[in-house]
Structures are given as C-alpha cells and as structure tokens.
Amino acid sequence: MKRFDNLPAPMPAAPANDDAMHCAGCGAKVGATTLSHALDALRTEVREDIEAGVAQGDDAAIIRWSGQYRLVQSVDYFPAFMDEPYLFGRVAALHSLSDIYAMNADPHSALATLCIPRHHPRLQGRDLRRLLAGAVDELNRAHCTLVGGHTIEGPEMAAGFTINGALSGAAWSKNGARPGQVLIITKPLGVGIQLAAWMRNVHRGPDLDATLATMLQSNGPARAALSSLPLPACTDITGFGLLGHLLELCQDSQVSARISLDTLPILPGTLEHIRQGIHSTLRDSNDQVLGYCNIAPALRERPELVAATDPQTSGGLLLAVTRECLDTTLEALRGAGVDAIAIGETLVKNHKASSTITLR
C-alpha cells in the first residue's frame, strides 16, 4: 500500500532527436493518417443546428444560430501536467467550459486546438485518440458538440478549446457586486501546489486523487443550481488564484472585500507542501495581488495565504450573493453536490483609492 501512497514521478516525454529537423508553420501539423485514425472512433454530441462539423470534415463548421440567443465565446489552452492523455483531455475540456458557465450560458459547440509530442505516427495517433476521447466525454456531458479544430506536433502535449455558448437569460458578470454581499467559492484551493508536488515526486497518492477529483468536477451543476436565483456577480477561479480573481471582481464592481483565511477550503496535504517550500512557478507573479491586500503581520506567514494566490486548473466559481439569498444559494448548491462555502463579504470601497482585500 505504501507503493500506492507514494507514486513515482510522471513519465517524461520521449526525448526529441536533436539531429532531426522539425518544421514550423503548417509543416508542424500532425499527419493526415494519424489524424484520421484518431477521429474514426470519435462519437461527438449531435445537435440539430450543426450543419457541418467533425463528421463532414469541411474547411469550417456551420452552425445555425437563433436570433433569440446571444453568442458567448471563450478560449483556453495549456500544456499537459500529466502523461495520461484521456484524463488530461477531460480536464482541458472542463477548464475551457468553465468560463461559459461563469457567464450563465449553455455550452453549444467547441473547436479544439491540440499539440501532440513528436513521436512515431502510430503513438501520436494513440495519444491523440485518447486525448480526444476524454475531451469528448466531457463535452458530450455538457451537450457541447465538438465541431472541428487544429492539431500540430511539438515538444509536449497541450490542449485547449474554443467554446461557443448560448445565452438566453441574464448574463452573470464581475461588475454586479455591491457592498454587504457574501462571497462564496465552490471548490477547494491548492491545485497548483499539488501539481508542483507531483512534478517534484514528493506528493502523496490520496492527496493526488483528491486533486484530480476536484479538477474533474464540472462547474455545470453549480451553474444549473444557480440559474434560477438572483446572482449579482460571478467569475471562475483559474490561473490568477482566488485573490487575483477576487480583486478583478472587486475592481469591476467598485467594491472592496474581506475574507477569512480560516474559512478557505484547501485540498488535503496542501498546507504541508507549502511549509516544505513547494509552490507553483506562477506564485511570484500571482503574489503581486498582495500589494492590494491589507494583511495583519501575524498572518503573513500563514500557509493559507500561499493557497489563496495559487493558480487553479479547472477551479471553482466565485460568487457574490445578497445576505437574503445566502441560505437559498448554499442549499441549492449543496443539493447539486457542490461543496460551496462562504469565505467573506464585500465592503464599501474608499472612492479615492483602489479596491482592496482585507485578510483576517
């Protein structure tokens, strides 16, 4: 059992042949045979308003768009953090869908942008097939049709998706928060620190399982639970960390905020890794948000502060709700299987100063 508790480091990508020339531009595209073999077994969600998509193999997708909807678009892309293409494809798709849910839109269709490591065409096809299978499983669950994409070869696996969403009701945004509202988050923090520990081979198996589980949790159920409730402001917590995205919300809404470090939900094992000096390479950049924070001297050494700026892959939602709707909102989220937690409140901003975040 100890061998399962302390897993080996992820397998590195196959070393490139330094003597071989690799073309850039369109010469970096994955071969047609490799691509066709990967797509043959793909079973994408079928929507009636898709006139041309993956099955048709045309130069572009054709989507019939109703006049009663507004088009919401977002794109995300990042390199693989694991050597299991299927799981990575799932996480990449969920991460890309998150912005659409944070705007209160229904995912409609997706375009893939993929990079496969240079290797034998048969191995490239295997990895591409697995990556797409994972991504399509999540896209299909979201009733989002993969309509096409572009694939190249490069030094490491990477994936991203452009998501089209349909907005029929009121859009959620970052500029609707008002003083006196309650801040809620829907997922625990610490993904970046856990992945950094994995890359350094100092992780623990159960902690990694918990990290993968939270990354594989879609924000779709949270959005569905909230869609009928009044929601002043919403955003998702991704690369800038909790404090970075909270500051954006405060600045757009012209408010300040106060949060309690003791209330932050944090992935198991994360605080121990922080005490060992493990953190994401984005920490220095993300920590610049601390210049907008009021932090008591006694809190500056708290490991929770590092978790608050940690970049999140496939992170949760950050909401501002009125106090009158707090219980209803938490009940709706928890009824949908979302472990939502209130972490603080919005405050009146000094009109002569920038928005600030007070930590306690």
Protein backbone atom coordinates (compact mmCIF):
# COMPACT_ATOMS: atom_id res chain seq x y z
CA MET A 1 0.00 0.00 0.00
CA LYS A 2 2.94 2.34 0.60
CA ARG A 3 3.83 1.98 -3.08
CA PHE A 4 0.37 3.28 -3.97
CA ASP A 5 0.65 6.04 -1.38
CA ASN A 6 3.92 7.40 -2.80
CA LEU A 7 3.58 7.18 -6.55
CA PRO A 8 6.56 7.56 -8.91
CA ALA A 9 7.15 10.78 -10.79
CA PRO A 10 5.22 11.22 -14.07
CA MET A 11 6.93 9.71 -17.07
CA PRO A 12 8.80 12.40 -19.06
CA ALA A 13 8.05 12.94 -22.73
CA ALA A 14 10.13 10.97 -25.20
CA PRO A 15 13.35 12.90 -25.93
CA ALA A 16 13.41 14.65 -29.28
CA ASN A 17 16.02 13.67 -31.83
CA ASP A 18 18.37 16.66 -31.80
CA ASP A 19 19.69 15.69 -35.22
CA ALA A 20 16.26 15.68 -36.83
CA MET A 21 14.78 18.81 -38.39
CA HIS A 22 11.25 19.69 -37.31
CA CYS A 23 9.33 22.15 -39.46
CA ALA A 24 7.32 25.02 -38.02
CA GLY A 25 4.30 26.74 -39.52
CA CYS A 26 1.88 24.38 -41.23
CA GLY A 27 4.75 21.92 -41.53
CA ALA A 28 4.19 21.19 -37.83
CA LYS A 29 0.73 19.73 -38.42
CA VAL A 30 0.05 16.16 -37.38
CA GLY A 31 -0.11 13.84 -40.40
CA ALA A 32 -3.43 13.19 -42.12
CA THR A 33 -3.32 9.43 -41.48
CA THR A 34 -2.62 9.92 -37.78
CA LEU A 35 -5.45 12.45 -37.52
CA SER A 36 -8.00 10.34 -39.41
CA HIS A 37 -7.24 7.25 -37.32
CA ALA A 38 -7.77 9.29 -34.14
CA LEU A 39 -11.08 10.72 -35.39
CA ASP A 40 -12.56 7.50 -36.79
CA ALA A 41 -13.76 6.19 -33.42
CA LEU A 42 -14.87 9.58 -32.05
CA ARG A 43 -18.56 9.86 -31.16
CA THR A 44 -19.44 13.51 -30.64
CA GLU A 45 -22.68 15.00 -29.31
CA VAL A 46 -25.05 15.56 -32.26
CA ARG A 47 -27.07 18.77 -32.33
CA GLU A 48 -29.70 19.57 -34.96
CA ASP A 49 -28.34 23.08 -35.51
CA ILE A 50 -24.86 21.86 -36.54
CA GLU A 51 -24.86 21.78 -40.35
CA ALA A 52 -21.16 20.94 -40.69
CA GLY A 53 -18.81 19.63 -38.03
CA VAL A 54 -16.24 16.88 -37.44
CA ALA A 55 -18.26 14.29 -39.38
CA GLN A 56 -18.40 16.43 -42.51
CA GLY A 57 -14.69 17.32 -42.45
CA ASP A 58 -15.24 20.63 -44.23
CA ASP A 59 -12.98 23.69 -44.07
CA ALA A 60 -15.07 25.25 -41.30
CA ALA A 61 -18.01 24.45 -39.07
CA ILE A 62 -21.50 25.74 -39.90
CA ILE A 63 -23.88 26.50 -37.03
CA ARG A 64 -27.45 27.75 -37.33
CA TRP A 65 -27.81 30.43 -34.65
CA SER A 66 -31.22 31.56 -33.41
CA GLY A 67 -31.89 35.28 -33.10
CA GLN A 68 -33.23 34.87 -29.56
CA TYR A 69 -29.83 33.87 -28.18
CA ARG A 70 -26.60 35.76 -27.65
CA LEU A 71 -23.34 34.09 -28.56
CA VAL A 72 -20.84 33.72 -25.70
CA GLN A 73 -17.31 32.64 -26.67
CA SER A 74 -14.21 31.78 -24.68
CA VAL A 75 -10.91 30.02 -25.36
CA ASP A 76 -8.37 28.32 -23.10
CA TYR A 77 -5.16 26.37 -23.80
CA PHE A 78 -2.36 24.94 -21.64
CA PRO A 79 0.34 22.24 -21.68
CA ALA A 80 -0.28 18.83 -20.16
CA PHE A 81 0.51 18.38 -16.47
CA MET A 82 0.22 14.58 -16.67
CA ASP A 83 1.16 11.81 -19.09
CA GLU A 84 -2.33 10.25 -19.23
CA PRO A 85 -3.96 11.77 -22.37
CA TYR A 86 -7.52 10.67 -21.54
CA LEU A 87 -7.62 12.33 -18.11
CA PHE A 88 -5.80 15.39 -19.45
CA GLY A 89 -8.37 15.71 -22.23
CA ARG A 90 -11.18 15.65 -19.68
CA VAL A 91 -9.58 18.33 -17.51
CA ALA A 92 -8.74 20.54 -20.51
CA ALA A 93 -12.35 20.40 -21.73
CA LEU A 94 -13.81 21.11 -18.27
CA HIS A 95 -11.41 24.02 -17.76
CA SER A 96 -12.45 25.53 -21.11
CA LEU A 97 -16.17 25.09 -20.36
CA SER A 98 -15.81 26.91 -17.03
CA ASP A 99 -15.82 30.44 -18.46
CA ILE A 100 -19.09 29.71 -20.27
CA TYR A 101 -20.73 28.51 -17.07
CA ALA A 102 -19.39 31.55 -15.19
CA MET A 103 -21.33 33.76 -17.65
CA ASN A 104 -24.59 31.76 -17.15
CA ALA A 105 -24.52 30.40 -20.71
CA ASP A 106 -25.29 26.95 -22.12
CA PRO A 107 -22.32 25.31 -23.91
CA HIS A 108 -23.17 24.76 -27.55
CA SER A 109 -20.12 23.78 -29.63
CA ALA A 110 -16.34 23.58 -29.40
CA LEU A 111 -13.21 23.85 -31.54
CA ALA A 112 -10.09 22.01 -30.37
CA THR A 113 -6.50 23.28 -30.51
CA LEU A 114 -4.13 20.39 -29.78
CA CYS A 115 -0.40 19.75 -29.70
CA ILE A 116 0.92 16.17 -29.72
CA PRO A 117 4.56 15.33 -28.86
CA ARG A 118 6.81 14.38 -31.77
CA HIS A 119 6.87 10.61 -31.94
CA HIS A 120 6.10 7.67 -34.19
CA PRO A 121 2.82 8.36 -36.06
CA ARG A 122 1.18 5.29 -34.51
CA LEU A 123 1.99 6.51 -30.99
CA GLN A 124 0.86 10.01 -31.89
CA GLY A 125 -2.43 8.58 -33.10
CA ARG A 126 -2.84 6.59 -29.88
CA ASP A 127 -2.29 9.66 -27.68
CA LEU A 128 -4.46 11.90 -29.86
CA ARG A 129 -7.27 9.35 -29.82
CA ARG A 130 -7.13 9.10 -26.02
CA LEU A 131 -6.96 12.87 -25.51
CA LEU A 132 -9.94 13.46 -27.79
CA ALA A 133 -11.89 10.63 -26.17
CA GLY A 134 -11.52 12.24 -22.76
CA ALA A 135 -12.39 15.69 -24.04
CA VAL A 136 -15.42 14.50 -25.98
CA ASP A 137 -16.74 12.57 -22.99
CA GLU A 138 -16.90 15.83 -21.02
CA LEU A 139 -18.13 17.91 -23.95
CA ASN A 140 -20.90 15.40 -24.62
CA ARG A 141 -21.96 15.51 -20.96
CA ALA A 142 -22.26 19.28 -21.37
CA HIS A 143 -24.28 18.80 -24.60
CA CYS A 144 -21.49 20.65 -26.38
CA THR A 145 -20.64 19.44 -29.90
CA LEU A 146 -17.02 19.23 -31.00
CA VAL A 147 -17.25 20.71 -34.50
CA GLY A 148 -13.57 20.79 -35.51
CA GLY A 149 -10.14 22.00 -34.55
CA HIS A 150 -6.46 22.11 -35.41
CA THR A 151 -3.66 19.75 -34.38
CA ILE A 152 0.11 20.22 -34.53
CA GLU A 153 3.13 18.33 -33.23
CA GLY A 154 5.58 19.89 -30.79
CA PRO A 155 7.83 19.24 -27.80
CA GLU A 156 5.00 18.47 -25.36
CA MET A 157 1.31 17.67 -25.24
CA ALA A 158 -1.03 20.64 -24.91
CA ALA A 159 -4.74 21.17 -25.43
CA GLY A 160 -7.33 23.89 -25.45
CA PHE A 161 -10.85 24.51 -26.67
CA THR A 162 -12.75 27.46 -28.05
CA ILE A 163 -16.24 27.15 -26.61
CA ASN A 164 -19.37 28.69 -28.10
CA GLY A 165 -22.19 29.23 -25.62
CA ALA A 166 -25.81 30.32 -25.97
CA LEU A 167 -27.08 32.94 -23.55
CA SER A 168 -30.86 33.25 -23.30
CA GLY A 169 -31.26 34.93 -19.90
CA ALA A 170 -29.34 37.45 -17.84
CA ALA A 171 -25.57 37.25 -18.10
CA TRP A 172 -23.52 36.91 -14.95
CA SER A 173 -20.55 39.24 -14.79
CA LYS A 174 -17.86 40.55 -12.46
CA ASN A 175 -19.35 44.04 -12.15
CA GLY A 176 -22.58 43.38 -10.23
CA ALA A 177 -21.33 43.03 -6.66
CA ARG A 178 -22.42 45.60 -4.10
CA PRO A 179 -21.23 46.28 -0.52
CA GLY A 180 -22.62 43.97 2.13
CA GLN A 181 -22.85 40.83 -0.02
CA VAL A 182 -21.44 37.41 0.84
CA LEU A 183 -18.59 35.76 -1.09
CA ILE A 184 -18.87 32.03 -1.86
CA ILE A 185 -16.49 29.60 -3.54
CA THR A 186 -17.45 26.17 -4.88
CA LYS A 187 -14.18 24.18 -4.93
CA PRO A 188 -11.16 23.76 -2.64
CA LEU A 189 -7.87 25.53 -3.37
CA GLY A 190 -4.36 24.17 -3.84
CA VAL A 191 -4.37 22.53 -7.30
CA GLY A 192 -1.21 24.32 -8.46
CA ILE A 193 0.69 23.36 -5.30
CA GLN A 194 -0.41 19.74 -5.57
CA LEU A 195 0.69 19.52 -9.20
CA ALA A 196 4.02 21.12 -8.28
CA ALA A 197 4.49 18.44 -5.58
CA TRP A 198 3.66 15.75 -8.15
CA MET A 199 6.27 17.09 -10.57
CA ARG A 200 8.85 17.03 -7.75
CA ASN A 201 7.85 13.48 -6.75
CA VAL A 202 7.03 14.49 -3.17
CA HIS A 203 3.25 14.04 -3.46
CA ARG A 204 1.02 11.51 -1.68
CA GLY A 205 -1.34 9.26 -3.60
CA PRO A 206 -4.55 10.11 -1.69
CA ASP A 207 -3.82 13.84 -2.00
CA LEU A 208 -3.31 13.49 -5.74
CA ASP A 209 -6.59 11.56 -6.00
CA ALA A 210 -8.39 14.41 -4.24
CA THR A 211 -6.77 16.93 -6.59
CA LEU A 212 -7.79 15.02 -9.71
CA ALA A 213 -11.30 14.61 -8.33
CA THR A 214 -11.77 18.36 -7.88
CA MET A 215 -10.32 19.11 -11.35
CA LEU A 216 -12.72 16.58 -12.87
CA GLN A 217 -15.72 18.19 -11.15
CA SER A 218 -17.64 20.22 -13.71
CA ASN A 219 -18.95 23.69 -12.86
CA GLY A 220 -22.06 22.79 -14.85
CA PRO A 221 -24.08 21.52 -11.86
CA ALA A 222 -23.24 24.69 -9.90
CA ARG A 223 -24.37 26.88 -12.78
CA ALA A 224 -27.58 24.85 -13.19
CA ALA A 225 -28.35 25.15 -9.47
CA LEU A 226 -27.85 28.92 -9.59
CA SER A 227 -29.51 29.71 -12.92
CA SER A 228 -32.93 30.49 -11.36
CA LEU A 229 -31.51 32.52 -8.45
CA PRO A 230 -30.52 36.21 -8.40
CA LEU A 231 -26.73 36.33 -8.69
CA PRO A 232 -25.14 39.80 -8.53
CA ALA A 233 -21.62 38.74 -9.61
CA CYS A 234 -19.75 35.62 -10.65
CA THR A 235 -16.36 34.57 -12.03
CA ASP A 236 -14.32 31.38 -12.06
CA ILE A 237 -11.08 30.83 -10.15
CA THR A 238 -8.30 29.76 -12.51
CA GLY A 239 -4.76 30.96 -13.25
CA PHE A 240 -4.71 34.12 -11.11
CA GLY A 241 -5.78 32.27 -7.96
CA LEU A 242 -8.56 33.20 -5.53
CA LEU A 243 -7.17 36.63 -4.60
CA GLY A 244 -6.36 37.59 -8.18
CA HIS A 245 -9.84 36.81 -9.44
CA LEU A 246 -11.46 38.33 -6.35
CA LEU A 247 -9.55 41.56 -6.96
CA GLU A 248 -10.82 41.62 -10.57
CA LEU A 249 -14.38 41.23 -9.29
CA CYS A 250 -13.88 44.00 -6.73
CA GLN A 251 -12.33 46.40 -9.25
CA ASP A 252 -15.08 45.80 -11.83
CA SER A 253 -17.78 46.24 -9.16
CA GLN A 254 -16.10 49.19 -7.41
CA VAL A 255 -16.14 47.46 -4.03
CA SER A 256 -13.58 46.10 -1.58
CA ALA A 257 -13.68 42.74 0.18
CA ARG A 258 -12.84 40.99 3.43
CA ILE A 259 -12.16 37.26 3.68
CA SER A 260 -11.13 34.90 6.47
CA LEU A 261 -8.18 32.59 5.89
CA ASP A 262 -9.68 30.14 8.38
CA THR A 263 -12.70 29.55 6.15
CA LEU A 264 -10.82 28.73 2.94
CA PRO A 265 -11.37 25.13 1.76
CA ILE A 266 -7.95 23.68 0.91
CA LEU A 267 -7.05 20.34 -0.67
CA PRO A 268 -5.60 17.77 1.76
CA GLY A 269 -1.83 17.85 2.06
CA THR A 270 -1.53 21.31 0.52
CA LEU A 271 -0.57 23.18 3.69
CA GLU A 272 2.14 20.63 4.43
CA HIS A 273 3.60 21.12 0.94
CA ILE A 274 3.57 24.90 1.45
CA ARG A 275 5.51 24.53 4.68
CA GLN A 276 8.06 22.50 2.73
CA GLY A 277 8.50 25.39 0.29
CA ILE A 278 6.60 23.84 -2.64
CA HIS A 279 4.59 26.17 -4.83
CA SER A 280 3.65 26.85 -8.45
CA THR A 281 6.05 28.68 -10.75
CA LEU A 282 3.30 31.30 -11.16
CA ARG A 283 3.47 32.19 -7.45
CA ASP A 284 5.76 35.23 -7.82
CA SER A 285 3.52 36.76 -10.46
CA ASN A 286 0.30 35.96 -8.60
CA ASP A 287 1.67 37.30 -5.31
CA GLN A 288 1.65 40.80 -6.79
CA VAL A 289 -2.03 40.91 -5.80
CA LEU A 290 -0.87 41.03 -2.17
CA GLY A 291 0.04 44.68 -2.79
CA TYR A 292 -3.73 45.35 -2.84
CA CYS A 293 -4.34 43.41 0.38
CA ASN A 294 -4.49 44.53 3.99
CA ILE A 295 -2.68 41.76 5.88
CA ALA A 296 -2.00 41.75 9.59
CA PRO A 297 1.67 40.93 10.36
CA ALA A 298 0.63 37.77 12.19
CA LEU A 299 -0.99 36.42 9.01
CA ARG A 300 1.89 36.94 6.61
CA GLU A 301 3.49 33.57 7.44
CA ARG A 302 0.24 31.62 7.28
CA PRO A 303 0.39 28.87 4.61
CA GLU A 304 -3.25 29.62 3.74
CA LEU A 305 -2.03 32.89 2.24
CA VAL A 306 0.01 30.95 -0.34
CA ALA A 307 -3.02 28.81 -1.15
CA ALA A 308 -5.06 31.98 -1.71
CA THR A 309 -2.83 33.04 -4.63
CA ASP A 310 -2.25 29.54 -6.01
CA PRO A 311 -3.26 29.10 -9.69
CA GLN A 312 -6.15 26.69 -10.13
CA THR A 313 -6.61 24.39 -13.11
CA SER A 314 -10.32 23.67 -13.57
CA GLY A 315 -11.09 25.69 -10.44
CA GLY A 316 -14.46 26.51 -8.96
CA LEU A 317 -16.75 29.52 -9.14
CA LEU A 318 -16.50 32.67 -7.01
CA LEU A 319 -19.90 34.23 -6.28
CA ALA A 320 -21.23 37.35 -4.62
CA VAL A 321 -24.77 36.92 -3.25
CA THR A 322 -27.04 39.03 -1.09
CA ARG A 323 -27.39 38.03 2.55
CA GLU A 324 -31.12 37.43 1.99
CA CYS A 325 -30.28 34.79 -0.66
CA LEU A 326 -27.31 33.22 1.13
CA ASP A 327 -29.11 30.23 2.68
CA THR A 328 -31.09 29.54 -0.50
CA THR A 329 -27.94 29.72 -2.61
CA LEU A 330 -25.92 27.39 -0.37
CA GLU A 331 -28.84 24.95 -0.15
CA ALA A 332 -29.22 24.89 -3.94
CA LEU A 333 -25.50 24.32 -4.50
CA ARG A 334 -25.16 21.61 -1.89
CA GLY A 335 -28.29 19.94 -3.27
CA ALA A 336 -26.45 19.73 -6.59
CA GLY A 337 -23.46 18.04 -4.94
CA VAL A 338 -21.34 21.22 -4.78
CA ASP A 339 -19.43 21.83 -1.53
CA ALA A 340 -19.93 25.59 -1.51
CA ILE A 341 -18.51 27.64 1.37
CA ALA A 342 -18.94 31.29 2.38
CA ILE A 343 -15.50 32.85 2.82
CA GLY A 344 -16.12 36.57 3.34
CA GLU A 345 -18.02 39.67 2.27
CA THR A 346 -17.89 42.72 0.05
CA LEU A 347 -17.28 46.18 1.57
CA VAL A 348 -17.65 49.83 0.66
CA LYS A 349 -14.59 50.99 -1.27
CA ASN A 350 -12.78 54.18 -0.44
CA HIS A 351 -13.69 56.25 -3.52
CA LYS A 352 -10.22 57.81 -3.60
CA ALA A 353 -8.36 54.51 -3.51
CA SER A 354 -8.20 51.24 -5.41
CA SER A 355 -10.23 48.23 -4.35
CA THR A 356 -8.59 46.32 -1.53
CA ILE A 357 -8.91 42.89 0.08
CA THR A 358 -8.65 42.63 3.84
CA LEU A 359 -7.45 39.28 5.15
CA ARG A 360 -8.20 38.18 8.67
